[in-house]
Amino acid sequence: MAFRGELARTLDLGRLRERRPEEVRVWFQTYFAVVHGFVRRRVAARPDLADDVTEDAFLVALSHIHEYDPDRGSMLPWLTYIARNCARKALRRARPVGMAEIDLAGAGEGFPVLDPGPLPDELLARAETVDRVHSALAALAPHHQRVLEHYYFLEQPLKQIASAEATTVTAVKSLLHRARLAFMAAFEAGGRSEQPATAGGRSR
């Protein structure tokens, strides 16, 4: 799913910020399926909320579209950040009476575990760090951006990523490990690009 390529070919961000109906429609159609799938996993305990949460996420995103900066990261992490918050709020509103001590919004918040490492959920979700997260992602090599987006933001299983990349699960694990290290280096550096060695083709 080459969302970055689709965005470059079909979406005029200026027209989207002007709320031009055709641009809004293209934007929605480009990202709806993947955001809806992300939301379904976030509200797995209440699947009836998925459609409303997805709609809310796009409405919130459109109302803040002037804040989106493509130079600081791709559209997909920005949308899933918003969708994550919308799902959390919806689950809290839907929490059964008498269950206040159970944080349903936190259920399933953890990502699939490979090994202790960067990109914990609280880092991705904290408002004060989201700009740095997006900047760090934007600084990575495309294959590193892609694997992190699929694994952490779309929460896809390793098998699915391996299939999409036409490679093995073992290769994806190795790539993901290197991508996480590169992300944390970029994050700590304030979003500066990966080392020249990566750009030179020795990152895989």
N, C-alpha and C. Protein backbone atom coordinates (compact mmCIF):
# COMPACT_ATOMS: atom_id res chain seq x y z
N MET A 1 0.84 -1.19 0.00
CA MET A 1 0.00 0.00 0.00
C MET A 1 0.88 1.24 0.00
N ALA A 2 1.04 1.85 -1.13
CA ALA A 2 1.97 2.97 -1.27
C ALA A 2 1.24 4.29 -1.02
N PHE A 3 0.89 4.54 0.24
CA PHE A 3 0.12 5.74 0.54
C PHE A 3 0.89 7.00 0.21
N ARG A 4 2.20 6.97 0.42
CA ARG A 4 2.98 8.17 0.13
C ARG A 4 2.92 8.49 -1.34
N GLY A 5 3.00 7.45 -2.18
CA GLY A 5 2.92 7.65 -3.62
C GLY A 5 1.56 8.11 -4.06
N GLU A 6 0.51 7.54 -3.48
CA GLU A 6 -0.85 7.95 -3.83
C GLU A 6 -1.06 9.42 -3.48
N LEU A 7 -0.55 9.81 -2.32
CA LEU A 7 -0.71 11.20 -1.89
C LEU A 7 -0.03 12.14 -2.87
N ALA A 8 1.19 11.78 -3.26
CA ALA A 8 1.94 12.65 -4.17
C ALA A 8 1.25 12.78 -5.52
N ARG A 9 0.61 11.70 -5.99
CA ARG A 9 0.00 11.72 -7.32
C ARG A 9 -1.37 12.39 -7.34
N THR A 10 -2.15 12.23 -6.28
CA THR A 10 -3.56 12.56 -6.39
C THR A 10 -4.05 13.66 -5.47
N LEU A 11 -3.30 13.99 -4.43
CA LEU A 11 -3.84 14.91 -3.43
C LEU A 11 -3.17 16.26 -3.49
N ASP A 12 -3.98 17.29 -3.62
CA ASP A 12 -3.50 18.66 -3.60
C ASP A 12 -3.78 19.21 -2.20
N LEU A 13 -2.73 19.30 -1.38
CA LEU A 13 -2.92 19.70 0.01
C LEU A 13 -3.51 21.09 0.13
N GLY A 14 -3.13 21.98 -0.77
CA GLY A 14 -3.69 23.33 -0.73
C GLY A 14 -5.19 23.32 -0.93
N ARG A 15 -5.66 22.55 -1.89
CA ARG A 15 -7.10 22.45 -2.14
C ARG A 15 -7.81 21.72 -1.00
N LEU A 16 -7.12 20.76 -0.39
CA LEU A 16 -7.71 20.07 0.76
C LEU A 16 -7.90 21.05 1.91
N ARG A 17 -6.92 21.91 2.13
CA ARG A 17 -7.03 22.90 3.20
C ARG A 17 -8.15 23.90 2.92
N GLU A 18 -8.49 24.06 1.65
CA GLU A 18 -9.61 24.94 1.28
C GLU A 18 -10.95 24.19 1.34
N ARG A 19 -10.90 22.92 1.73
CA ARG A 19 -12.09 22.06 1.85
C ARG A 19 -12.78 21.87 0.50
N ARG A 20 -12.01 21.85 -0.58
CA ARG A 20 -12.61 21.60 -1.89
C ARG A 20 -13.18 20.18 -1.90
N PRO A 21 -14.47 20.02 -2.26
CA PRO A 21 -15.13 18.71 -2.16
C PRO A 21 -14.39 17.57 -2.85
N GLU A 22 -13.85 17.82 -4.04
CA GLU A 22 -13.16 16.75 -4.76
C GLU A 22 -11.90 16.31 -4.03
N GLU A 23 -11.15 17.28 -3.48
CA GLU A 23 -9.94 16.94 -2.76
C GLU A 23 -10.26 16.20 -1.47
N VAL A 24 -11.32 16.63 -0.78
CA VAL A 24 -11.73 15.94 0.44
C VAL A 24 -12.12 14.50 0.11
N ARG A 25 -12.81 14.31 -1.00
CA ARG A 25 -13.24 12.97 -1.40
C ARG A 25 -12.04 12.08 -1.73
N VAL A 26 -11.07 12.62 -2.46
CA VAL A 26 -9.87 11.84 -2.80
C VAL A 26 -9.11 11.46 -1.54
N TRP A 27 -8.93 12.41 -0.66
CA TRP A 27 -8.24 12.18 0.61
C TRP A 27 -8.93 11.10 1.42
N PHE A 28 -10.25 11.21 1.54
CA PHE A 28 -11.03 10.26 2.31
C PHE A 28 -10.93 8.86 1.69
N GLN A 29 -11.09 8.78 0.38
CA GLN A 29 -11.05 7.48 -0.29
C GLN A 29 -9.67 6.84 -0.21
N THR A 30 -8.63 7.66 -0.24
CA THR A 30 -7.27 7.14 -0.17
C THR A 30 -6.96 6.50 1.17
N TYR A 31 -7.45 7.09 2.25
CA TYR A 31 -7.06 6.64 3.59
C TYR A 31 -8.16 5.95 4.38
N PHE A 32 -9.39 5.95 3.89
CA PHE A 32 -10.48 5.43 4.70
C PHE A 32 -10.27 3.98 5.12
N ALA A 33 -9.98 3.10 4.18
CA ALA A 33 -9.92 1.67 4.48
C ALA A 33 -8.86 1.37 5.54
N VAL A 34 -7.70 1.98 5.41
CA VAL A 34 -6.63 1.67 6.35
C VAL A 34 -6.90 2.27 7.72
N VAL A 35 -7.48 3.47 7.77
CA VAL A 35 -7.81 4.08 9.06
C VAL A 35 -8.94 3.30 9.72
N HIS A 36 -9.92 2.87 8.95
CA HIS A 36 -11.03 2.09 9.50
C HIS A 36 -10.51 0.77 10.08
N GLY A 37 -9.59 0.12 9.37
CA GLY A 37 -9.01 -1.11 9.88
C GLY A 37 -8.24 -0.88 11.17
N PHE A 38 -7.51 0.22 11.23
CA PHE A 38 -6.78 0.58 12.45
C PHE A 38 -7.76 0.80 13.60
N VAL A 39 -8.84 1.52 13.34
CA VAL A 39 -9.83 1.80 14.37
C VAL A 39 -10.50 0.52 14.85
N ARG A 40 -10.81 -0.38 13.92
CA ARG A 40 -11.46 -1.64 14.32
C ARG A 40 -10.62 -2.39 15.35
N ARG A 41 -9.31 -2.37 15.17
CA ARG A 41 -8.45 -3.05 16.14
C ARG A 41 -8.43 -2.30 17.46
N ARG A 42 -8.51 -0.99 17.41
CA ARG A 42 -8.49 -0.19 18.63
C ARG A 42 -9.76 -0.33 19.46
N VAL A 43 -10.88 -0.57 18.80
CA VAL A 43 -12.16 -0.69 19.51
C VAL A 43 -12.68 -2.12 19.42
N ALA A 44 -11.78 -3.08 19.44
CA ALA A 44 -12.17 -4.48 19.25
C ALA A 44 -13.22 -4.93 20.26
N ALA A 45 -13.19 -4.37 21.47
CA ALA A 45 -14.17 -4.74 22.48
C ALA A 45 -15.55 -4.17 22.18
N ARG A 46 -15.60 -3.15 21.33
CA ARG A 46 -16.87 -2.51 20.94
C ARG A 46 -16.86 -2.26 19.44
N PRO A 47 -16.95 -3.31 18.62
CA PRO A 47 -16.86 -3.14 17.17
C PRO A 47 -17.93 -2.23 16.59
N ASP A 48 -19.03 -2.05 17.32
CA ASP A 48 -20.09 -1.16 16.84
C ASP A 48 -19.65 0.30 16.80
N LEU A 49 -18.54 0.61 17.46
CA LEU A 49 -18.05 1.99 17.48
C LEU A 49 -17.17 2.34 16.29
N ALA A 50 -16.74 1.33 15.54
CA ALA A 50 -15.70 1.55 14.52
C ALA A 50 -16.09 2.59 13.49
N ASP A 51 -17.30 2.50 12.96
CA ASP A 51 -17.70 3.45 11.90
C ASP A 51 -17.73 4.88 12.43
N ASP A 52 -18.34 5.07 13.61
CA ASP A 52 -18.45 6.42 14.16
C ASP A 52 -17.08 6.99 14.52
N VAL A 53 -16.21 6.16 15.08
CA VAL A 53 -14.88 6.63 15.46
C VAL A 53 -14.08 7.02 14.21
N THR A 54 -14.19 6.22 13.16
CA THR A 54 -13.48 6.54 11.92
C THR A 54 -13.98 7.86 11.35
N GLU A 55 -15.28 8.04 11.34
CA GLU A 55 -15.84 9.31 10.84
C GLU A 55 -15.36 10.47 11.70
N ASP A 56 -15.37 10.29 13.02
CA ASP A 56 -14.89 11.36 13.91
C ASP A 56 -13.43 11.70 13.63
N ALA A 57 -12.62 10.67 13.39
CA ALA A 57 -11.20 10.89 13.14
C ALA A 57 -10.98 11.75 11.90
N PHE A 58 -11.73 11.47 10.84
CA PHE A 58 -11.58 12.25 9.61
C PHE A 58 -12.11 13.67 9.80
N LEU A 59 -13.18 13.82 10.56
CA LEU A 59 -13.71 15.16 10.80
C LEU A 59 -12.72 15.99 11.62
N VAL A 60 -12.13 15.37 12.65
CA VAL A 60 -11.13 16.07 13.45
C VAL A 60 -9.93 16.42 12.59
N ALA A 61 -9.48 15.46 11.79
CA ALA A 61 -8.31 15.71 10.93
C ALA A 61 -8.59 16.85 9.96
N LEU A 62 -9.78 16.86 9.36
CA LEU A 62 -10.10 17.92 8.40
C LEU A 62 -10.16 19.27 9.09
N SER A 63 -10.67 19.29 10.31
CA SER A 63 -10.77 20.56 11.02
C SER A 63 -9.39 21.10 11.43
N HIS A 64 -8.39 20.21 11.45
CA HIS A 64 -7.03 20.62 11.82
C HIS A 64 -6.06 20.44 10.66
N ILE A 65 -6.58 20.33 9.44
CA ILE A 65 -5.72 20.02 8.30
C ILE A 65 -4.66 21.10 8.07
N HIS A 66 -4.94 22.32 8.50
CA HIS A 66 -3.94 23.39 8.34
C HIS A 66 -2.71 23.14 9.21
N GLU A 67 -2.84 22.26 10.22
CA GLU A 67 -1.72 21.97 11.11
C GLU A 67 -0.82 20.87 10.54
N TYR A 68 -1.32 20.15 9.54
CA TYR A 68 -0.52 19.06 8.98
C TYR A 68 0.58 19.62 8.09
N ASP A 69 1.81 19.22 8.36
CA ASP A 69 2.97 19.67 7.59
C ASP A 69 3.62 18.45 6.94
N PRO A 70 3.51 18.28 5.63
CA PRO A 70 4.09 17.10 4.97
C PRO A 70 5.60 17.02 5.11
N ASP A 71 6.25 18.13 5.39
CA ASP A 71 7.70 18.11 5.57
C ASP A 71 8.09 17.50 6.92
N ARG A 72 7.11 17.36 7.82
CA ARG A 72 7.39 16.80 9.14
C ARG A 72 6.92 15.35 9.27
N GLY A 73 6.44 14.79 8.19
CA GLY A 73 6.01 13.40 8.24
C GLY A 73 4.87 13.14 7.28
N SER A 74 4.62 11.86 7.01
CA SER A 74 3.57 11.50 6.07
C SER A 74 2.19 11.59 6.71
N MET A 75 1.17 11.55 5.88
CA MET A 75 -0.20 11.71 6.34
C MET A 75 -0.66 10.57 7.24
N LEU A 76 -0.22 9.35 6.94
CA LEU A 76 -0.74 8.20 7.66
C LEU A 76 -0.49 8.22 9.16
N PRO A 77 0.74 8.45 9.63
CA PRO A 77 0.93 8.53 11.09
C PRO A 77 0.10 9.64 11.73
N TRP A 78 -0.03 10.75 11.03
CA TRP A 78 -0.83 11.86 11.56
C TRP A 78 -2.29 11.44 11.73
N LEU A 79 -2.84 10.75 10.73
CA LEU A 79 -4.22 10.29 10.82
C LEU A 79 -4.40 9.23 11.91
N THR A 80 -3.46 8.30 12.02
CA THR A 80 -3.63 7.26 13.04
C THR A 80 -3.44 7.81 14.45
N TYR A 81 -2.64 8.85 14.58
CA TYR A 81 -2.53 9.52 15.88
C TYR A 81 -3.89 10.10 16.28
N ILE A 82 -4.54 10.76 15.35
CA ILE A 82 -5.86 11.33 15.62
C ILE A 82 -6.88 10.21 15.88
N ALA A 83 -6.83 9.16 15.05
CA ALA A 83 -7.78 8.05 15.22
C ALA A 83 -7.59 7.36 16.56
N ARG A 84 -6.34 7.23 17.01
CA ARG A 84 -6.07 6.60 18.31
C ARG A 84 -6.74 7.39 19.42
N ASN A 85 -6.62 8.71 19.37
CA ASN A 85 -7.24 9.54 20.40
C ASN A 85 -8.76 9.48 20.34
N CYS A 86 -9.32 9.46 19.12
CA CYS A 86 -10.78 9.35 18.98
C CYS A 86 -11.28 8.02 19.53
N ALA A 87 -10.54 6.95 19.26
CA ALA A 87 -10.93 5.63 19.77
C ALA A 87 -10.87 5.60 21.29
N ARG A 88 -9.83 6.20 21.86
CA ARG A 88 -9.68 6.22 23.31
C ARG A 88 -10.86 6.96 23.94
N LYS A 89 -11.23 8.09 23.38
CA LYS A 89 -12.34 8.88 23.92
C LYS A 89 -13.66 8.12 23.78
N ALA A 90 -13.87 7.47 22.64
CA ALA A 90 -15.11 6.73 22.42
C ALA A 90 -15.24 5.58 23.40
N LEU A 91 -14.15 4.87 23.66
CA LEU A 91 -14.20 3.76 24.60
C LEU A 91 -14.46 4.25 26.02
N ARG A 92 -13.91 5.39 26.35
CA ARG A 92 -14.17 5.94 27.68
C ARG A 92 -15.64 6.33 27.84
N ARG A 93 -16.20 6.92 26.78
CA ARG A 93 -17.62 7.30 26.84
C ARG A 93 -18.51 6.07 26.93
N ALA A 94 -18.07 4.98 26.30
CA ALA A 94 -18.88 3.76 26.26
C ALA A 94 -18.64 2.84 27.44
N ARG A 95 -17.76 3.22 28.36
CA ARG A 95 -17.42 2.36 29.49
C ARG A 95 -18.66 2.08 30.33
N PRO A 96 -18.93 0.84 30.67
CA PRO A 96 -20.12 0.50 31.45
C PRO A 96 -20.08 1.14 32.83
N VAL A 97 -21.25 1.49 33.35
CA VAL A 97 -21.36 2.03 34.70
C VAL A 97 -20.84 1.00 35.68
N GLY A 98 -20.06 1.45 36.68
CA GLY A 98 -19.54 0.52 37.67
C GLY A 98 -18.20 -0.08 37.28
N MET A 99 -17.69 0.28 36.08
CA MET A 99 -16.42 -0.28 35.64
C MET A 99 -15.36 0.81 35.55
N ALA A 100 -15.55 1.89 36.27
CA ALA A 100 -14.67 3.03 36.15
C ALA A 100 -13.23 2.69 36.50
N GLU A 101 -13.06 1.67 37.35
CA GLU A 101 -11.70 1.35 37.77
C GLU A 101 -10.93 0.62 36.68
N ILE A 102 -11.62 0.17 35.62
CA ILE A 102 -10.95 -0.54 34.54
C ILE A 102 -10.78 0.41 33.37
N ASP A 103 -9.57 0.62 32.95
CA ASP A 103 -9.31 1.54 31.85
C ASP A 103 -9.47 0.82 30.52
N LEU A 104 -10.71 0.79 30.03
CA LEU A 104 -10.96 0.11 28.76
C LEU A 104 -10.24 0.79 27.62
N ALA A 105 -10.04 2.08 27.76
CA ALA A 105 -9.36 2.80 26.68
C ALA A 105 -7.93 2.32 26.53
N GLY A 106 -7.37 1.78 27.61
CA GLY A 106 -6.00 1.31 27.52
C GLY A 106 -5.89 -0.12 27.06
N ALA A 107 -7.02 -0.82 26.96
CA ALA A 107 -6.98 -2.21 26.55
C ALA A 107 -6.46 -2.32 25.13
N GLY A 108 -5.45 -3.17 24.96
CA GLY A 108 -4.91 -3.36 23.63
C GLY A 108 -4.01 -2.24 23.17
N GLU A 109 -3.64 -1.33 24.08
CA GLU A 109 -2.81 -0.20 23.66
C GLU A 109 -1.40 -0.62 23.32
N GLY A 110 -0.90 -1.71 23.96
CA GLY A 110 0.46 -2.13 23.70
C GLY A 110 0.62 -2.70 22.31
N PHE A 111 1.78 -2.48 21.71
CA PHE A 111 2.05 -3.03 20.39
C PHE A 111 2.56 -4.45 20.53
N PRO A 112 2.46 -5.27 19.48
CA PRO A 112 3.04 -6.61 19.53
C PRO A 112 4.51 -6.52 19.91
N VAL A 113 4.93 -7.39 20.80
CA VAL A 113 6.27 -7.29 21.36
C VAL A 113 7.24 -8.19 20.61
N LEU A 114 8.32 -7.61 20.14
CA LEU A 114 9.43 -8.38 19.59
C LEU A 114 10.56 -8.41 20.61
N ASP A 115 10.90 -7.25 21.11
CA ASP A 115 11.91 -7.13 22.14
C ASP A 115 11.74 -5.75 22.75
N PRO A 116 12.27 -5.55 23.97
CA PRO A 116 12.16 -4.20 24.56
C PRO A 116 12.86 -3.21 23.64
N GLY A 117 12.19 -2.13 23.34
CA GLY A 117 12.79 -1.18 22.42
C GLY A 117 11.99 0.09 22.31
N PRO A 118 12.34 0.94 21.36
CA PRO A 118 11.68 2.24 21.21
C PRO A 118 10.28 2.13 20.65
N LEU A 119 9.65 3.25 20.49
CA LEU A 119 8.30 3.40 19.98
C LEU A 119 7.23 2.82 20.89
N PRO A 120 7.32 3.02 22.22
CA PRO A 120 6.21 2.57 23.07
C PRO A 120 4.98 3.39 22.75
N ASP A 121 3.81 2.84 23.09
CA ASP A 121 2.56 3.51 22.75
C ASP A 121 2.47 4.90 23.35
N GLU A 122 2.95 5.05 24.61
CA GLU A 122 2.82 6.37 25.22
C GLU A 122 3.64 7.41 24.49
N LEU A 123 4.75 7.00 23.87
CA LEU A 123 5.55 7.94 23.09
C LEU A 123 4.78 8.39 21.87
N LEU A 124 4.11 7.45 21.19
CA LEU A 124 3.38 7.79 19.98
C LEU A 124 2.15 8.63 20.29
N ALA A 125 1.56 8.46 21.47
CA ALA A 125 0.28 9.10 21.76
C ALA A 125 0.41 10.43 22.47
N ARG A 126 1.53 10.72 23.12
CA ARG A 126 1.64 11.95 23.89
C ARG A 126 1.68 13.16 22.96
N ALA A 127 0.77 14.09 23.21
CA ALA A 127 0.64 15.24 22.33
C ALA A 127 1.93 16.06 22.25
N GLU A 128 2.64 16.14 23.37
CA GLU A 128 3.82 16.99 23.36
C GLU A 128 4.98 16.41 22.56
N THR A 129 4.90 15.13 22.20
CA THR A 129 5.99 14.54 21.43
C THR A 129 5.60 14.20 20.00
N VAL A 130 4.33 14.38 19.63
CA VAL A 130 3.89 13.90 18.33
C VAL A 130 4.62 14.57 17.18
N ASP A 131 4.93 15.87 17.31
CA ASP A 131 5.67 16.55 16.24
C ASP A 131 7.06 15.96 16.06
N ARG A 132 7.70 15.64 17.19
CA ARG A 132 9.04 15.06 17.11
C ARG A 132 8.97 13.65 16.51
N VAL A 133 7.91 12.91 16.85
CA VAL A 133 7.74 11.57 16.27
C VAL A 133 7.63 11.67 14.76
N HIS A 134 6.77 12.58 14.28
CA HIS A 134 6.56 12.72 12.85
C HIS A 134 7.83 13.22 12.16
N SER A 135 8.54 14.14 12.80
CA SER A 135 9.78 14.63 12.21
C SER A 135 10.82 13.53 12.12
N ALA A 136 10.89 12.71 13.17
CA ALA A 136 11.85 11.60 13.16
C ALA A 136 11.52 10.60 12.06
N LEU A 137 10.23 10.30 11.90
CA LEU A 137 9.83 9.39 10.82
C LEU A 137 10.19 9.96 9.46
N ALA A 138 9.94 11.25 9.28
CA ALA A 138 10.21 11.89 7.99
C ALA A 138 11.69 11.86 7.66
N ALA A 139 12.56 11.79 8.70
CA ALA A 139 14.00 11.81 8.48
C ALA A 139 14.55 10.45 8.06
N LEU A 140 13.74 9.40 8.18
CA LEU A 140 14.21 8.05 7.91
C LEU A 140 14.21 7.72 6.42
N ALA A 141 14.99 6.70 6.08
CA ALA A 141 14.95 6.17 4.73
C ALA A 141 13.56 5.61 4.46
N PRO A 142 13.09 5.63 3.21
CA PRO A 142 11.72 5.20 2.90
C PRO A 142 11.36 3.81 3.41
N HIS A 143 12.29 2.83 3.29
CA HIS A 143 11.96 1.47 3.74
C HIS A 143 11.84 1.40 5.25
N HIS A 144 12.57 2.25 5.97
CA HIS A 144 12.44 2.30 7.42
C HIS A 144 11.11 2.95 7.81
N GLN A 145 10.76 4.04 7.13
CA GLN A 145 9.45 4.66 7.38
C GLN A 145 8.33 3.66 7.17
N ARG A 146 8.42 2.95 6.06
CA ARG A 146 7.34 2.05 5.67
C ARG A 146 7.13 0.94 6.69
N VAL A 147 8.22 0.29 7.13
CA VAL A 147 8.05 -0.84 8.04
C VAL A 147 7.55 -0.37 9.41
N LEU A 148 8.00 0.81 9.86
CA LEU A 148 7.52 1.34 11.14
C LEU A 148 6.04 1.72 11.05
N GLU A 149 5.65 2.33 9.95
CA GLU A 149 4.25 2.71 9.79
C GLU A 149 3.35 1.47 9.78
N HIS A 150 3.76 0.44 9.04
CA HIS A 150 2.93 -0.76 8.96
C HIS A 150 2.86 -1.49 10.30
N TYR A 151 3.97 -1.54 11.02
CA TYR A 151 3.99 -2.32 12.26
C TYR A 151 3.40 -1.55 13.44
N TYR A 152 3.80 -0.30 13.61
CA TYR A 152 3.38 0.45 14.78
C TYR A 152 2.09 1.24 14.57
N PHE A 153 1.95 1.89 13.44
CA PHE A 153 0.77 2.73 13.24
C PHE A 153 -0.41 1.93 12.72
N LEU A 154 -0.17 1.00 11.80
CA LEU A 154 -1.26 0.16 11.29
C LEU A 154 -1.38 -1.13 12.08
N GLU A 155 -0.37 -1.42 12.91
CA GLU A 155 -0.37 -2.59 13.78
C GLU A 155 -0.59 -3.88 12.99
N GLN A 156 0.05 -3.97 11.85
CA GLN A 156 -0.08 -5.16 11.03
C GLN A 156 0.85 -6.26 11.54
N PRO A 157 0.44 -7.52 11.45
CA PRO A 157 1.31 -8.62 11.88
C PRO A 157 2.51 -8.76 10.95
N LEU A 158 3.55 -9.37 11.46
CA LEU A 158 4.78 -9.52 10.68
C LEU A 158 4.55 -10.28 9.39
N LYS A 159 3.70 -11.29 9.43
CA LYS A 159 3.42 -12.06 8.22
C LYS A 159 2.84 -11.19 7.12
N GLN A 160 1.94 -10.31 7.49
CA GLN A 160 1.30 -9.44 6.51
C GLN A 160 2.32 -8.47 5.91
N ILE A 161 3.20 -7.94 6.76
CA ILE A 161 4.22 -7.03 6.26
C ILE A 161 5.17 -7.77 5.33
N ALA A 162 5.56 -8.97 5.72
CA ALA A 162 6.47 -9.76 4.89
C ALA A 162 5.86 -10.04 3.53
N SER A 163 4.56 -10.34 3.52
CA SER A 163 3.89 -10.61 2.25
C SER A 163 3.87 -9.37 1.37
N ALA A 164 3.55 -8.22 1.98
CA ALA A 164 3.50 -6.97 1.21
C ALA A 164 4.87 -6.58 0.68
N GLU A 165 5.93 -6.92 1.43
CA GLU A 165 7.28 -6.57 1.03
C GLU A 165 7.94 -7.66 0.20
N ALA A 166 7.23 -8.76 -0.03
CA ALA A 166 7.76 -9.89 -0.80
C ALA A 166 9.06 -10.40 -0.18
N THR A 167 9.04 -10.59 1.15
CA THR A 167 10.22 -11.07 1.84
C THR A 167 9.80 -12.01 2.96
N THR A 168 10.71 -12.35 3.85
CA THR A 168 10.42 -13.29 4.92
C THR A 168 10.15 -12.55 6.24
N VAL A 169 9.51 -13.26 7.17
CA VAL A 169 9.27 -12.69 8.49
C VAL A 169 10.60 -12.37 9.17
N THR A 170 11.58 -13.24 9.01
CA THR A 170 12.91 -13.00 9.61
C THR A 170 13.52 -11.71 9.07
N ALA A 171 13.39 -11.50 7.78
CA ALA A 171 13.94 -10.28 7.17
C ALA A 171 13.21 -9.05 7.69
N VAL A 172 11.89 -9.16 7.87
CA VAL A 172 11.11 -8.03 8.40
C VAL A 172 11.54 -7.72 9.83
N LYS A 173 11.76 -8.75 10.65
CA LYS A 173 12.21 -8.53 12.02
C LYS A 173 13.54 -7.77 12.04
N SER A 174 14.43 -8.19 11.16
CA SER A 174 15.74 -7.53 11.09
C SER A 174 15.60 -6.08 10.64
N LEU A 175 14.78 -5.86 9.61
CA LEU A 175 14.55 -4.50 9.12
C LEU A 175 13.90 -3.65 10.19
N LEU A 176 12.93 -4.22 10.90
CA LEU A 176 12.23 -3.48 11.94
C LEU A 176 13.18 -3.09 13.06
N HIS A 177 14.08 -3.99 13.42
CA HIS A 177 15.07 -3.68 14.46
C HIS A 177 15.93 -2.50 14.04
N ARG A 178 16.44 -2.52 12.81
CA ARG A 178 17.27 -1.42 12.33
C ARG A 178 16.47 -0.13 12.21
N ALA A 179 15.21 -0.26 11.79
CA ALA A 179 14.37 0.92 11.64
C ALA A 179 14.10 1.57 12.99
N ARG A 180 13.90 0.76 14.02
CA ARG A 180 13.67 1.32 15.36
C ARG A 180 14.91 2.04 15.87
N LEU A 181 16.07 1.46 15.64
CA LEU A 181 17.31 2.13 16.06
C LEU A 181 17.47 3.45 15.32
N ALA A 182 17.18 3.44 14.01
CA ALA A 182 17.29 4.67 13.22
C ALA A 182 16.28 5.71 13.69
N PHE A 183 15.07 5.25 14.02
CA PHE A 183 14.04 6.17 14.51
C PHE A 183 14.49 6.85 15.80
N MET A 184 14.98 6.04 16.75
CA MET A 184 15.36 6.62 18.03
C MET A 184 16.53 7.59 17.88
N ALA A 185 17.45 7.27 16.97
CA ALA A 185 18.56 8.19 16.73
C ALA A 185 18.04 9.51 16.17
N ALA A 186 17.09 9.42 15.22
CA ALA A 186 16.50 10.64 14.63
C ALA A 186 15.67 11.39 15.66
N PHE A 187 14.95 10.64 16.50
CA PHE A 187 14.12 11.26 17.53
C PHE A 187 14.98 12.04 18.52
N GLU A 188 16.05 11.40 18.98
CA GLU A 188 16.95 12.07 19.93
C GLU A 188 17.66 13.25 19.30
N ALA A 189 17.88 13.17 17.97
CA ALA A 189 18.56 14.26 17.27
C ALA A 189 17.59 15.36 16.85
N GLY A 190 16.33 15.21 17.21
CA GLY A 190 15.35 16.24 16.88
C GLY A 190 14.84 16.16 15.46
N GLY A 191 14.90 14.97 14.85
CA GLY A 191 14.33 14.80 13.52
C GLY A 191 15.33 14.95 12.39
N ARG A 192 16.64 14.96 12.72
CA ARG A 192 17.62 15.06 11.64
C ARG A 192 17.74 13.73 10.92
N SER A 193 18.19 13.79 9.68
CA SER A 193 18.20 12.62 8.81
C SER A 193 19.13 11.53 9.30
N GLU A 194 18.88 10.32 8.77
CA GLU A 194 19.74 9.19 9.07
C GLU A 194 21.15 9.46 8.57
N GLN A 195 22.08 8.61 9.05
CA GLN A 195 23.48 8.78 8.67
C GLN A 195 23.66 8.60 7.17
N PRO A 196 24.67 9.25 6.57
CA PRO A 196 24.94 9.12 5.14
C PRO A 196 25.08 7.68 4.70
N ALA A 197 25.57 6.79 5.58
CA ALA A 197 25.74 5.39 5.19
C ALA A 197 24.41 4.78 4.82
N THR A 198 23.36 5.19 5.53
CA THR A 198 22.03 4.69 5.20
C THR A 198 21.61 5.20 3.84
N ALA A 199 21.79 6.50 3.63
CA ALA A 199 21.40 7.08 2.35
C ALA A 199 22.19 6.47 1.20
N GLY A 200 23.37 5.98 1.51
CA GLY A 200 24.22 5.40 0.48
C GLY A 200 23.86 3.98 0.12
N GLY A 201 22.86 3.42 0.80
CA GLY A 201 22.36 2.13 0.40
C GLY A 201 22.76 0.98 1.27
N ARG A 202 23.40 1.26 2.46
CA ARG A 202 23.83 0.16 3.32
C ARG A 202 22.88 -0.02 4.49
N SER A 203 21.64 0.45 4.39
CA SER A 203 20.69 0.41 5.49
C SER A 203 19.92 -0.88 5.56
N ARG A 204 19.87 -1.65 4.54
CA ARG A 204 19.05 -2.85 4.53
C ARG A 204 19.82 -4.02 5.11
